[in-house]
Amino acid sequence: ILFIIVENKNRNQIPIVKSIDRINYRLAFAIGVFQLIA
């Protein structure tokens, strides 16, 4: 359900981060928190 909601929300939005080198440490840690859920 979350996949569908997020994709619908992002349908007309332009991503902020378009390359891996633009991922900073705070963003990397935040993504890691989602991995923790798994």
PDB file of all heavy atoms in Angstrom:
ATOM      1  N   ILE A   1       0.840  -1.206   0.000  1.00  0.00           N
ATOM      2  CA  ILE A   1       0.000   0.000   0.000  1.00  0.00           C
ATOM      3  C   ILE A   1       0.872   1.252   0.000  1.00  0.00           C
ATOM      4  O   ILE A   1       0.594   2.227  -0.705  1.00  0.00           O
ATOM      5  CB  ILE A   1      -0.937  -0.007   1.233  1.00  0.00           C
ATOM      6  CG1 ILE A   1      -1.950  -1.160   1.111  1.00  0.00           C
ATOM      7  CG2 ILE A   1      -1.657   1.327   1.374  1.00  0.00           C
ATOM      8  CD1 ILE A   1      -2.783  -1.375   2.359  1.00  0.00           C
ATOM      9  N   LEU A   2       1.955   1.219   0.798  1.00  0.00           N
ATOM     10  CA  LEU A   2       2.847   2.372   0.897  1.00  0.00           C
ATOM     11  C   LEU A   2       3.511   2.667  -0.448  1.00  0.00           C
ATOM     12  O   LEU A   2       3.668   3.838  -0.829  1.00  0.00           O
ATOM     13  CB  LEU A   2       3.900   2.123   1.972  1.00  0.00           C
ATOM     14  CG  LEU A   2       4.753   3.328   2.388  1.00  0.00           C
ATOM     15  CD1 LEU A   2       3.865   4.477   2.846  1.00  0.00           C
ATOM     16  CD2 LEU A   2       5.719   2.936   3.505  1.00  0.00           C
ATOM     17  N   PHE A   3       3.909   1.622  -1.172  1.00  0.00           N
ATOM     18  CA  PHE A   3       4.477   1.811  -2.510  1.00  0.00           C
ATOM     19  C   PHE A   3       3.510   2.593  -3.403  1.00  0.00           C
ATOM     20  O   PHE A   3       3.902   3.540  -4.095  1.00  0.00           O
ATOM     21  CB  PHE A   3       4.785   0.462  -3.164  1.00  0.00           C
ATOM     22  CG  PHE A   3       6.240   0.093  -3.122  1.00  0.00           C
ATOM     23  CD1 PHE A   3       6.655  -1.087  -2.519  1.00  0.00           C
ATOM     24  CD2 PHE A   3       7.190   0.909  -3.696  1.00  0.00           C
ATOM     25  CE1 PHE A   3       7.991  -1.439  -2.482  1.00  0.00           C
ATOM     26  CE2 PHE A   3       8.540   0.571  -3.665  1.00  0.00           C
ATOM     27  CZ  PHE A   3       8.939  -0.608  -3.056  1.00  0.00           C
ATOM     28  N   ILE A   4       2.265   2.190  -3.395  1.00  0.00           N
ATOM     29  CA  ILE A   4       1.257   2.820  -4.256  1.00  0.00           C
ATOM     30  C   ILE A   4       1.027   4.272  -3.841  1.00  0.00           C
ATOM     31  O   ILE A   4       0.961   5.177  -4.688  1.00  0.00           O
ATOM     32  CB  ILE A   4      -0.060   2.017  -4.202  1.00  0.00           C
ATOM     33  CG1 ILE A   4       0.161   0.616  -4.790  1.00  0.00           C
ATOM     34  CG2 ILE A   4      -1.167   2.750  -4.962  1.00  0.00           C
ATOM     35  CD1 ILE A   4      -0.988  -0.332  -4.569  1.00  0.00           C
ATOM     36  N   ILE A   5       0.942   4.510  -2.528  1.00  0.00           N
ATOM     37  CA  ILE A   5       0.720   5.874  -2.026  1.00  0.00           C
ATOM     38  C   ILE A   5       1.891   6.782  -2.394  1.00  0.00           C
ATOM     39  O   ILE A   5       1.698   7.903  -2.885  1.00  0.00           O
ATOM     40  CB  ILE A   5       0.524   5.853  -0.492  1.00  0.00           C
ATOM     41  CG1 ILE A   5      -0.796   5.165  -0.139  1.00  0.00           C
ATOM     42  CG2 ILE A   5       0.545   7.273   0.066  1.00  0.00           C
ATOM     43  CD1 ILE A   5      -1.007   4.968   1.348  1.00  0.00           C
ATOM     44  N   VAL A   6       3.115   6.309  -2.159  1.00  0.00           N
ATOM     45  CA  VAL A   6       4.304   7.115  -2.432  1.00  0.00           C
ATOM     46  C   VAL A   6       4.428   7.420  -3.922  1.00  0.00           C
ATOM     47  O   VAL A   6       4.722   8.554  -4.318  1.00  0.00           O
ATOM     48  CB  VAL A   6       5.572   6.400  -1.928  1.00  0.00           C
ATOM     49  CG1 VAL A   6       6.837   7.125  -2.409  1.00  0.00           C
ATOM     50  CG2 VAL A   6       5.576   6.336  -0.405  1.00  0.00           C
ATOM     51  N   GLU A   7       4.184   6.430  -4.758  1.00  0.00           N
ATOM     52  CA  GLU A   7       4.291   6.650  -6.204  1.00  0.00           C
ATOM     53  C   GLU A   7       3.214   7.617  -6.700  1.00  0.00           C
ATOM     54  O   GLU A   7       3.481   8.452  -7.569  1.00  0.00           O
ATOM     55  CB  GLU A   7       4.208   5.320  -6.955  1.00  0.00           C
ATOM     56  CG  GLU A   7       5.469   4.467  -6.869  1.00  0.00           C
ATOM     57  CD  GLU A   7       6.627   5.046  -7.663  1.00  0.00           C
ATOM     58  OE1 GLU A   7       6.605   6.233  -8.034  1.00  0.00           O
ATOM     59  OE2 GLU A   7       7.593   4.309  -7.914  1.00  0.00           O
ATOM     60  N   ASN A   8       2.020   7.510  -6.158  1.00  0.00           N
ATOM     61  CA  ASN A   8       0.963   8.457  -6.546  1.00  0.00           C
ATOM     62  C   ASN A   8       1.313   9.872  -6.115  1.00  0.00           C
ATOM     63  O   ASN A   8       1.085  10.843  -6.851  1.00  0.00           O
ATOM     64  CB  ASN A   8      -0.380   8.041  -5.929  1.00  0.00           C
ATOM     65  CG  ASN A   8      -1.006   6.851  -6.646  1.00  0.00           C
ATOM     66  OD1 ASN A   8      -0.717   6.612  -7.821  1.00  0.00           O
ATOM     67  ND2 ASN A   8      -1.849   6.111  -5.955  1.00  0.00           N
ATOM     68  N   LYS A   9       1.889   9.990  -4.927  1.00  0.00           N
ATOM     69  CA  LYS A   9       2.274  11.303  -4.417  1.00  0.00           C
ATOM     70  C   LYS A   9       3.397  11.915  -5.242  1.00  0.00           C
ATOM     71  O   LYS A   9       3.432  13.133  -5.478  1.00  0.00           O
ATOM     72  CB  LYS A   9       2.708  11.184  -2.954  1.00  0.00           C
ATOM     73  CG  LYS A   9       3.129  12.511  -2.332  1.00  0.00           C
ATOM     74  CD  LYS A   9       3.604  12.323  -0.897  1.00  0.00           C
ATOM     75  CE  LYS A   9       4.078  13.641  -0.306  1.00  0.00           C
ATOM     76  NZ  LYS A   9       4.605  13.472   1.077  1.00  0.00           N
ATOM     77  N   ASN A  10       4.330  11.060  -5.696  1.00  0.00           N
ATOM     78  CA  ASN A  10       5.498  11.554  -6.429  1.00  0.00           C
ATOM     79  C   ASN A  10       5.276  11.659  -7.935  1.00  0.00           C
ATOM     80  O   ASN A  10       6.209  11.993  -8.671  1.00  0.00           O
ATOM     81  CB  ASN A  10       6.696  10.626  -6.178  1.00  0.00           C
ATOM     82  CG  ASN A  10       7.210  10.702  -4.755  1.00  0.00           C
ATOM     83  OD1 ASN A  10       6.818  11.589  -3.996  1.00  0.00           O
ATOM     84  ND2 ASN A  10       8.064   9.775  -4.386  1.00  0.00           N
ATOM     85  N   ARG A  11       4.063  11.387  -8.372  1.00  0.00           N
ATOM     86  CA  ARG A  11       3.786  11.290  -9.809  1.00  0.00           C
ATOM     87  C   ARG A  11       4.264  12.513 -10.590  1.00  0.00           C
ATOM     88  O   ARG A  11       4.900  12.401 -11.629  1.00  0.00           O
ATOM     89  CB  ARG A  11       2.288  11.081 -10.033  1.00  0.00           C
ATOM     90  CG  ARG A  11       1.904  10.897 -11.507  1.00  0.00           C
ATOM     91  CD  ARG A  11       0.398  10.774 -11.624  1.00  0.00           C
ATOM     92  NE  ARG A  11      -0.097   9.667 -10.816  1.00  0.00           N
ATOM     93  CZ  ARG A  11      -1.393   9.491 -10.524  1.00  0.00           C
ATOM     94  NH1 ARG A  11      -2.294  10.369 -10.944  1.00  0.00           N
ATOM     95  NH2 ARG A  11      -1.778   8.455  -9.810  1.00  0.00           N
ATOM     96  N   ASN A  12       3.969  13.686 -10.092  1.00  0.00           N
ATOM     97  CA  ASN A  12       4.315  14.920 -10.816  1.00  0.00           C
ATOM     98  C   ASN A  12       5.439  15.714 -10.156  1.00  0.00           C
ATOM     99  O   ASN A  12       5.628  16.890 -10.455  1.00  0.00           O
ATOM    100  CB  ASN A  12       3.065  15.803 -10.950  1.00  0.00           C
ATOM    101  CG  ASN A  12       1.950  15.115 -11.732  1.00  0.00           C
ATOM    102  OD1 ASN A  12       2.208  14.493 -12.764  1.00  0.00           O
ATOM    103  ND2 ASN A  12       0.723  15.211 -11.242  1.00  0.00           N
ATOM    104  N   GLN A  13       6.169  15.046  -9.249  1.00  0.00           N
ATOM    105  CA  GLN A  13       7.247  15.733  -8.551  1.00  0.00           C
ATOM    106  C   GLN A  13       8.606  15.372  -9.145  1.00  0.00           C
ATOM    107  O   GLN A  13       8.817  14.233  -9.582  1.00  0.00           O
ATOM    108  CB  GLN A  13       7.223  15.388  -7.057  1.00  0.00           C
ATOM    109  CG  GLN A  13       5.982  15.908  -6.332  1.00  0.00           C
ATOM    110  CD  GLN A  13       6.056  15.656  -4.830  1.00  0.00           C
ATOM    111  OE1 GLN A  13       7.054  15.170  -4.322  1.00  0.00           O
ATOM    112  NE2 GLN A  13       4.989  16.000  -4.128  1.00  0.00           N
ATOM    113  N   ILE A  14       9.505  16.319  -9.160  1.00  0.00           N
ATOM    114  CA  ILE A  14      10.859  16.094  -9.657  1.00  0.00           C
ATOM    115  C   ILE A  14      11.751  15.685  -8.483  1.00  0.00           C
ATOM    116  O   ILE A  14      11.785  16.376  -7.461  1.00  0.00           O
ATOM    117  CB  ILE A  14      11.426  17.364 -10.317  1.00  0.00           C
ATOM    118  CG1 ILE A  14      10.548  17.765 -11.514  1.00  0.00           C
ATOM    119  CG2 ILE A  14      12.869  17.135 -10.773  1.00  0.00           C
ATOM    120  CD1 ILE A  14      10.957  19.070 -12.149  1.00  0.00           C
ATOM    121  N   PRO A  15      12.459  14.546  -8.584  1.00  0.00           N
ATOM    122  CA  PRO A  15      13.319  14.094  -7.483  1.00  0.00           C
ATOM    123  C   PRO A  15      14.393  15.127  -7.143  1.00  0.00           C
ATOM    124  O   PRO A  15      14.915  15.816  -8.023  1.00  0.00           O
ATOM    125  CB  PRO A  15      13.949  12.809  -8.033  1.00  0.00           C
ATOM    126  CG  PRO A  15      13.031  12.370  -9.133  1.00  0.00           C
ATOM    127  CD  PRO A  15      12.473  13.620  -9.721  1.00  0.00           C
ATOM    128  N   ILE A  16      14.714  15.217  -5.864  1.00  0.00           N
ATOM    129  CA  ILE A  16      15.754  16.143  -5.412  1.00  0.00           C
ATOM    130  C   ILE A  16      17.137  15.548  -5.637  1.00  0.00           C
ATOM    131  O   ILE A  16      18.069  16.239  -6.041  1.00  0.00           O
ATOM    132  CB  ILE A  16      15.556  16.473  -3.919  1.00  0.00           C
ATOM    133  CG1 ILE A  16      14.190  17.130  -3.691  1.00  0.00           C
ATOM    134  CG2 ILE A  16      16.676  17.390  -3.414  1.00  0.00           C
ATOM    135  CD1 ILE A  16      13.845  17.300  -2.225  1.00  0.00           C
ATOM    136  N   VAL A  17      17.265  14.253  -5.394  1.00  0.00           N
ATOM    137  CA  VAL A  17      18.556  13.565  -5.489  1.00  0.00           C
ATOM    138  C   VAL A  17      18.553  12.685  -6.738  1.00  0.00           C
ATOM    139  O   VAL A  17      17.808  11.711  -6.822  1.00  0.00           O
ATOM    140  CB  VAL A  17      18.820  12.701  -4.242  1.00  0.00           C
ATOM    141  CG1 VAL A  17      20.151  11.973  -4.358  1.00  0.00           C
ATOM    142  CG2 VAL A  17      18.785  13.567  -2.983  1.00  0.00           C
ATOM    143  N   LYS A  18      19.411  13.031  -7.702  1.00  0.00           N
ATOM    144  CA  LYS A  18      19.430  12.317  -8.980  1.00  0.00           C
ATOM    145  C   LYS A  18      20.724  11.548  -9.222  1.00  0.00           C
ATOM    146  O   LYS A  18      20.906  10.987 -10.298  1.00  0.00           O
ATOM    147  CB  LYS A  18      19.192  13.308 -10.125  1.00  0.00           C
ATOM    148  CG  LYS A  18      17.834  14.000 -10.061  1.00  0.00           C
ATOM    149  CD  LYS A  18      17.650  14.947 -11.231  1.00  0.00           C
ATOM    150  CE  LYS A  18      16.302  15.655 -11.154  1.00  0.00           C
ATOM    151  NZ  LYS A  18      16.108  16.580 -12.300  1.00  0.00           N
ATOM    152  N   SER A  19      21.614  11.538  -8.250  1.00  0.00           N
ATOM    153  CA  SER A  19      22.842  10.748  -8.356  1.00  0.00           C
ATOM    154  C   SER A  19      23.283  10.349  -6.954  1.00  0.00           C
ATOM    155  O   SER A  19      22.993  11.052  -5.969  1.00  0.00           O
ATOM    156  CB  SER A  19      23.954  11.545  -9.053  1.00  0.00           C
ATOM    157  OG  SER A  19      24.291  12.694  -8.304  1.00  0.00           O
ATOM    158  N   ILE A  20      23.970   9.214  -6.856  1.00  0.00           N
ATOM    159  CA  ILE A  20      24.376   8.694  -5.545  1.00  0.00           C
ATOM    160  C   ILE A  20      25.287   9.659  -4.806  1.00  0.00           C
ATOM    161  O   ILE A  20      25.227   9.775  -3.574  1.00  0.00           O
ATOM    162  CB  ILE A  20      25.041   7.312  -5.710  1.00  0.00           C
ATOM    163  CG1 ILE A  20      23.974   6.261  -6.013  1.00  0.00           C
ATOM    164  CG2 ILE A  20      25.827   6.925  -4.463  1.00  0.00           C
ATOM    165  CD1 ILE A  20      24.481   4.848  -6.097  1.00  0.00           C
ATOM    166  N   ASP A  21      26.141  10.380  -5.537  1.00  0.00           N
ATOM    167  CA  ASP A  21      27.063  11.294  -4.859  1.00  0.00           C
ATOM    168  C   ASP A  21      26.345  12.476  -4.205  1.00  0.00           C
ATOM    169  O   ASP A  21      26.932  13.187  -3.400  1.00  0.00           O
ATOM    170  CB  ASP A  21      28.133  11.788  -5.834  1.00  0.00           C
ATOM    171  CG  ASP A  21      27.541  12.589  -6.983  1.00  0.00           C
ATOM    172  OD1 ASP A  21      26.515  12.170  -7.542  1.00  0.00           O
ATOM    173  OD2 ASP A  21      28.119  13.631  -7.336  1.00  0.00           O
ATOM    174  N   ARG A  22      25.039  12.671  -4.548  1.00  0.00           N
ATOM    175  CA  ARG A  22      24.259  13.738  -3.908  1.00  0.00           C
ATOM    176  C   ARG A  22      23.610  13.274  -2.605  1.00  0.00           C
ATOM    177  O   ARG A  22      22.988  14.079  -1.907  1.00  0.00           O
ATOM    178  CB  ARG A  22      23.184  14.244  -4.872  1.00  0.00           C
ATOM    179  CG  ARG A  22      23.721  14.900  -6.139  1.00  0.00           C
ATOM    180  CD  ARG A  22      24.575  16.112  -5.820  1.00  0.00           C
ATOM    181  NE  ARG A  22      23.831  17.128  -5.102  1.00  0.00           N
ATOM    182  CZ  ARG A  22      23.100  18.075  -5.675  1.00  0.00           C
ATOM    183  NH1 ARG A  22      23.031  18.137  -7.002  1.00  0.00           N
ATOM    184  NH2 ARG A  22      22.445  18.967  -4.958  1.00  0.00           N
ATOM    185  N   ILE A  23      23.739  12.002  -2.303  1.00  0.00           N
ATOM    186  CA  ILE A  23      23.236  11.495  -1.023  1.00  0.00           C
ATOM    187  C   ILE A  23      24.237  11.881   0.071  1.00  0.00           C
ATOM    188  O   ILE A  23      25.398  11.483   0.018  1.00  0.00           O
ATOM    189  CB  ILE A  23      23.062   9.961  -1.053  1.00  0.00           C
ATOM    190  CG1 ILE A  23      21.981   9.563  -2.060  1.00  0.00           C
ATOM    191  CG2 ILE A  23      22.716   9.418   0.336  1.00  0.00           C
ATOM    192  CD1 ILE A  23      21.790   8.057  -2.201  1.00  0.00           C
ATOM    193  N   ASN A  24      23.786  12.668   1.049  1.00  0.00           N
ATOM    194  CA  ASN A  24      24.672  13.051   2.144  1.00  0.00           C
ATOM    195  C   ASN A  24      24.551  12.049   3.298  1.00  0.00           C
ATOM    196  O   ASN A  24      23.744  11.109   3.242  1.00  0.00           O
ATOM    197  CB  ASN A  24      24.390  14.478   2.617  1.00  0.00           C
ATOM    198  CG  ASN A  24      22.937  14.673   3.051  1.00  0.00           C
ATOM    199  OD1 ASN A  24      22.319  13.756   3.613  1.00  0.00           O
ATOM    200  ND2 ASN A  24      22.384  15.838   2.785  1.00  0.00           N
ATOM    201  N   TYR A  25      25.320  12.247   4.351  1.00  0.00           N
ATOM    202  CA  TYR A  25      25.341  11.274   5.440  1.00  0.00           C
ATOM    203  C   TYR A  25      24.020  11.226   6.206  1.00  0.00           C
ATOM    204  O   TYR A  25      23.585  10.147   6.633  1.00  0.00           O
ATOM    205  CB  TYR A  25      26.505  11.596   6.396  1.00  0.00           C
ATOM    206  CG  TYR A  25      27.846  11.297   5.791  1.00  0.00           C
ATOM    207  CD1 TYR A  25      28.611  12.306   5.205  1.00  0.00           C
ATOM    208  CD2 TYR A  25      28.355   9.997   5.770  1.00  0.00           C
ATOM    209  CE1 TYR A  25      29.851  12.031   4.621  1.00  0.00           C
ATOM    210  CE2 TYR A  25      29.588   9.710   5.201  1.00  0.00           C
ATOM    211  CZ  TYR A  25      30.322  10.732   4.621  1.00  0.00           C
ATOM    212  OH  TYR A  25      31.540  10.443   4.037  1.00  0.00           O
ATOM    213  N   ARG A  26      23.387  12.362   6.374  1.00  0.00           N
ATOM    214  CA  ARG A  26      22.101  12.372   7.083  1.00  0.00           C
ATOM    215  C   ARG A  26      21.042  11.615   6.305  1.00  0.00           C
ATOM    216  O   ARG A  26      20.266  10.843   6.878  1.00  0.00           O
ATOM    217  CB  ARG A  26      21.659  13.815   7.314  1.00  0.00           C
ATOM    218  CG  ARG A  26      20.383  13.932   8.150  1.00  0.00           C
ATOM    219  CD  ARG A  26      20.126  15.365   8.571  1.00  0.00           C
ATOM    220  NE  ARG A  26      19.918  16.251   7.422  1.00  0.00           N
ATOM    221  CZ  ARG A  26      19.661  17.542   7.516  1.00  0.00           C
ATOM    222  NH1 ARG A  26      19.613  18.106   8.719  1.00  0.00           N
ATOM    223  NH2 ARG A  26      19.477  18.271   6.441  1.00  0.00           N
ATOM    224  N   LEU A  27      21.029  11.809   4.981  1.00  0.00           N
ATOM    225  CA  LEU A  27      20.073  11.102   4.137  1.00  0.00           C
ATOM    226  C   LEU A  27      20.378   9.605   4.115  1.00  0.00           C
ATOM    227  O   LEU A  27      19.461   8.768   4.171  1.00  0.00           O
ATOM    228  CB  LEU A  27      20.117  11.669   2.714  1.00  0.00           C
ATOM    229  CG  LEU A  27      19.192  11.027   1.668  1.00  0.00           C
ATOM    230  CD1 LEU A  27      17.746  11.082   2.134  1.00  0.00           C
ATOM    231  CD2 LEU A  27      19.347  11.732   0.323  1.00  0.00           C
ATOM    232  N   ALA A  28      21.657   9.255   4.067  1.00  0.00           N
ATOM    233  CA  ALA A  28      22.053   7.848   4.077  1.00  0.00           C
ATOM    234  C   ALA A  28      21.582   7.165   5.366  1.00  0.00           C
ATOM    235  O   ALA A  28      21.059   6.040   5.337  1.00  0.00           O
ATOM    236  CB  ALA A  28      23.566   7.721   3.939  1.00  0.00           C
ATOM    237  N   PHE A  29      21.755   7.844   6.495  1.00  0.00           N
ATOM    238  CA  PHE A  29      21.322   7.278   7.778  1.00  0.00           C
ATOM    239  C   PHE A  29      19.805   7.099   7.798  1.00  0.00           C
ATOM    240  O   PHE A  29      19.300   6.088   8.297  1.00  0.00           O
ATOM    241  CB  PHE A  29      21.766   8.177   8.928  1.00  0.00           C
ATOM    242  CG  PHE A  29      21.483   7.595  10.295  1.00  0.00           C
ATOM    243  CD1 PHE A  29      22.372   6.686  10.866  1.00  0.00           C
ATOM    244  CD2 PHE A  29      20.344   7.938  10.996  1.00  0.00           C
ATOM    245  CE1 PHE A  29      22.120   6.136  12.122  1.00  0.00           C
ATOM    246  CE2 PHE A  29      20.074   7.403  12.246  1.00  0.00           C
ATOM    247  CZ  PHE A  29      20.967   6.497  12.807  1.00  0.00           C
ATOM    248  N   ALA A  30      19.087   8.081   7.252  1.00  0.00           N
ATOM    249  CA  ALA A  30      17.618   8.002   7.215  1.00  0.00           C
ATOM    250  C   ALA A  30      17.161   6.809   6.384  1.00  0.00           C
ATOM    251  O   ALA A  30      16.225   6.092   6.771  1.00  0.00           O
ATOM    252  CB  ALA A  30      17.047   9.299   6.654  1.00  0.00           C
ATOM    253  N   ILE A  31      17.822   6.575   5.258  1.00  0.00           N
ATOM    254  CA  ILE A  31      17.496   5.408   4.435  1.00  0.00           C
ATOM    255  C   ILE A  31      17.805   4.131   5.215  1.00  0.00           C
ATOM    256  O   ILE A  31      17.065   3.137   5.143  1.00  0.00           O
ATOM    257  CB  ILE A  31      18.281   5.433   3.110  1.00  0.00           C
ATOM    258  CG1 ILE A  31      17.822   6.628   2.259  1.00  0.00           C
ATOM    259  CG2 ILE A  31      18.085   4.136   2.330  1.00  0.00           C
ATOM    260  CD1 ILE A  31      18.647   6.849   1.003  1.00  0.00           C
ATOM    261  N   GLY A  32      18.887   4.157   5.989  1.00  0.00           N
ATOM    262  CA  GLY A  32      19.252   3.012   6.807  1.00  0.00           C
ATOM    263  C   GLY A  32      18.212   2.687   7.869  1.00  0.00           C
ATOM    264  O   GLY A  32      18.039   1.517   8.239  1.00  0.00           O
ATOM    265  N   VAL A  33      17.503   3.700   8.348  1.00  0.00           N
ATOM    266  CA  VAL A  33      16.435   3.460   9.326  1.00  0.00           C
ATOM    267  C   VAL A  33      15.307   2.645   8.684  1.00  0.00           C
ATOM    268  O   VAL A  33      14.710   1.774   9.328  1.00  0.00           O
ATOM    269  CB  VAL A  33      15.886   4.796   9.877  1.00  0.00           C
ATOM    270  CG1 VAL A  33      14.644   4.569  10.728  1.00  0.00           C
ATOM    271  CG2 VAL A  33      16.971   5.503  10.693  1.00  0.00           C
ATOM    272  N   PHE A  34      15.021   2.914   7.421  1.00  0.00           N
ATOM    273  CA  PHE A  34      14.014   2.125   6.712  1.00  0.00           C
ATOM    274  C   PHE A  34      14.493   0.682   6.539  1.00  0.00           C
ATOM    275  O   PHE A  34      13.692  -0.258   6.621  1.00  0.00           O
ATOM    276  CB  PHE A  34      13.701   2.750   5.352  1.00  0.00           C
ATOM    277  CG  PHE A  34      12.753   3.905   5.421  1.00  0.00           C
ATOM    278  CD1 PHE A  34      13.220   5.196   5.614  1.00  0.00           C
ATOM    279  CD2 PHE A  34      11.382   3.705   5.315  1.00  0.00           C
ATOM    280  CE1 PHE A  34      12.339   6.272   5.694  1.00  0.00           C
ATOM    281  CE2 PHE A  34      10.498   4.764   5.391  1.00  0.00           C
ATOM    282  CZ  PHE A  34      10.968   6.062   5.581  1.00  0.00           C
ATOM    283  N   GLN A  35      15.784   0.501   6.305  1.00  0.00           N
ATOM    284  CA  GLN A  35      16.316  -0.860   6.226  1.00  0.00           C
ATOM    285  C   GLN A  35      16.153  -1.570   7.569  1.00  0.00           C
ATOM    286  O   GLN A  35      15.923  -2.786   7.610  1.00  0.00           O
ATOM    287  CB  GLN A  35      17.792  -0.838   5.831  1.00  0.00           C
ATOM    288  CG  GLN A  35      18.398  -2.222   5.720  1.00  0.00           C
ATOM    289  CD  GLN A  35      19.814  -2.226   5.189  1.00  0.00           C
ATOM    290  OE1 GLN A  35      20.075  -2.696   4.090  1.00  0.00           O
ATOM    291  NE2 GLN A  35      20.747  -1.703   5.971  1.00  0.00           N
ATOM    292  N   LEU A  36      16.248  -0.832   8.657  1.00  0.00           N
ATOM    293  CA  LEU A  36      16.059  -1.396   9.983  1.00  0.00           C
ATOM    294  C   LEU A  36      14.663  -2.007  10.122  1.00  0.00           C
ATOM    295  O   LEU A  36      14.490  -3.062  10.733  1.00  0.00           O
ATOM    296  CB  LEU A  36      16.262  -0.310  11.052  1.00  0.00           C
ATOM    297  CG  LEU A  36      15.874  -0.667  12.489  1.00  0.00           C
ATOM    298  CD1 LEU A  36      16.696  -1.837  12.993  1.00  0.00           C
ATOM    299  CD2 LEU A  36      16.051   0.550  13.400  1.00  0.00           C
ATOM    300  N   ILE A  37      13.661  -1.352   9.543  1.00  0.00           N
ATOM    301  CA  ILE A  37      12.296  -1.877   9.602  1.00  0.00           C
ATOM    302  C   ILE A  37      12.247  -3.273   8.995  1.00  0.00           C
ATOM    303  O   ILE A  37      11.607  -4.183   9.530  1.00  0.00           O
ATOM    304  CB  ILE A  37      11.321  -0.935   8.871  1.00  0.00           C
ATOM    305  CG1 ILE A  37      11.305   0.436   9.542  1.00  0.00           C
ATOM    306  CG2 ILE A  37       9.915  -1.530   8.831  1.00  0.00           C
ATOM    307  CD1 ILE A  37      10.496   1.484   8.792  1.00  0.00           C
ATOM    308  N   ALA A  38      12.937  -3.444   7.857  1.00  0.00           N
ATOM    309  CA  ALA A  38      12.974  -4.743   7.197  1.00  0.00           C
ATOM    310  C   ALA A  38      13.720  -5.773   8.036  1.00  0.00           C
ATOM    311  O   ALA A  38      13.383  -6.958   8.035  1.00  0.00           O
ATOM    312  CB  ALA A  38      13.620  -4.614   5.824  1.00  0.00           C
TER     313      ALA A  38
END
